[in-house]
């Protein structure tokens, strides 16, 4: 029973990290139609920045905030200086973001070396939680809570604010949004910064679970792509559902049948897309 309960919480924690990573990816792809392949690199950079800040003695909370803001700034620079010059050229955008992801991976290797860098959780979350005779790391429970809180805040942003209304209008019909006076330029930069911030936040709070290591981007990006495709492009509700579905499939698949982990991960996605090509919540507005 301990095994099943532990793997269930592990699945929820991984699903929470995927939610942070994939929601930003879904926003960028849904609004700008850019398959931002640097998203996994931003997740990895967030983990490394948080690790460096924590080792410098700045405290875990400051490290997380610094990682999120750093990746948001980096995302804004990528959109402004590179992707904006490639507007309308989807192939060039994919190649540019792919190239940037390779550059980021090499730069991280140069700056931080090839050894994994563990990140210690805050002291008040370092111990386990005992519940009806079962024990589970309290930090992973906190990760689940942070992910759900971020999802609620993102929902409020999208549904209850002017920026959210502009983003939804742009996702539904960008030409019409421009016709009614929405500045696409500022909107694109805002969304790209928000998506990068969520990726960096995910990497920072995922550091105590995964550590910061070379190849973290390559491990996380395919999972984010699966989540976005399975949930439905531009649908935050679909991203929420798909994040936890993939979290469960990946965690239990790796634990139970490691040799078939990717079969268990990809086969349900293929079946869903065969019967519902637009994804679980394809066509949903939020």
Foldseek 3Di string as FASTA:
>chain_A
DLVVVQLLLQLLLQLLLLLLLQVLQLLLCLQQVANQLCSLLLLLQLQVQLLVCVVVPVDLVVSLVVLLQVQLVVLLCCVVPPVVVCRPPRVVRNVVSVVVNVVSLVVCCVPPNADFRADQDPPVQRAWDADPNHTYRSLSVVSSVVSVVVLVVVVCCLPPDPLNVLSLVSSVPVVVSVVVPDDVVVNSSVSSSSSSSSSSSSSSSCRNVPTNHRCSSVVSSVLSVLQCQQLFRQDSVSSSVSSSVLSSLQSCLCVPPVVCSVVSNCVVSVVSCVVVVRHPQHPDSD
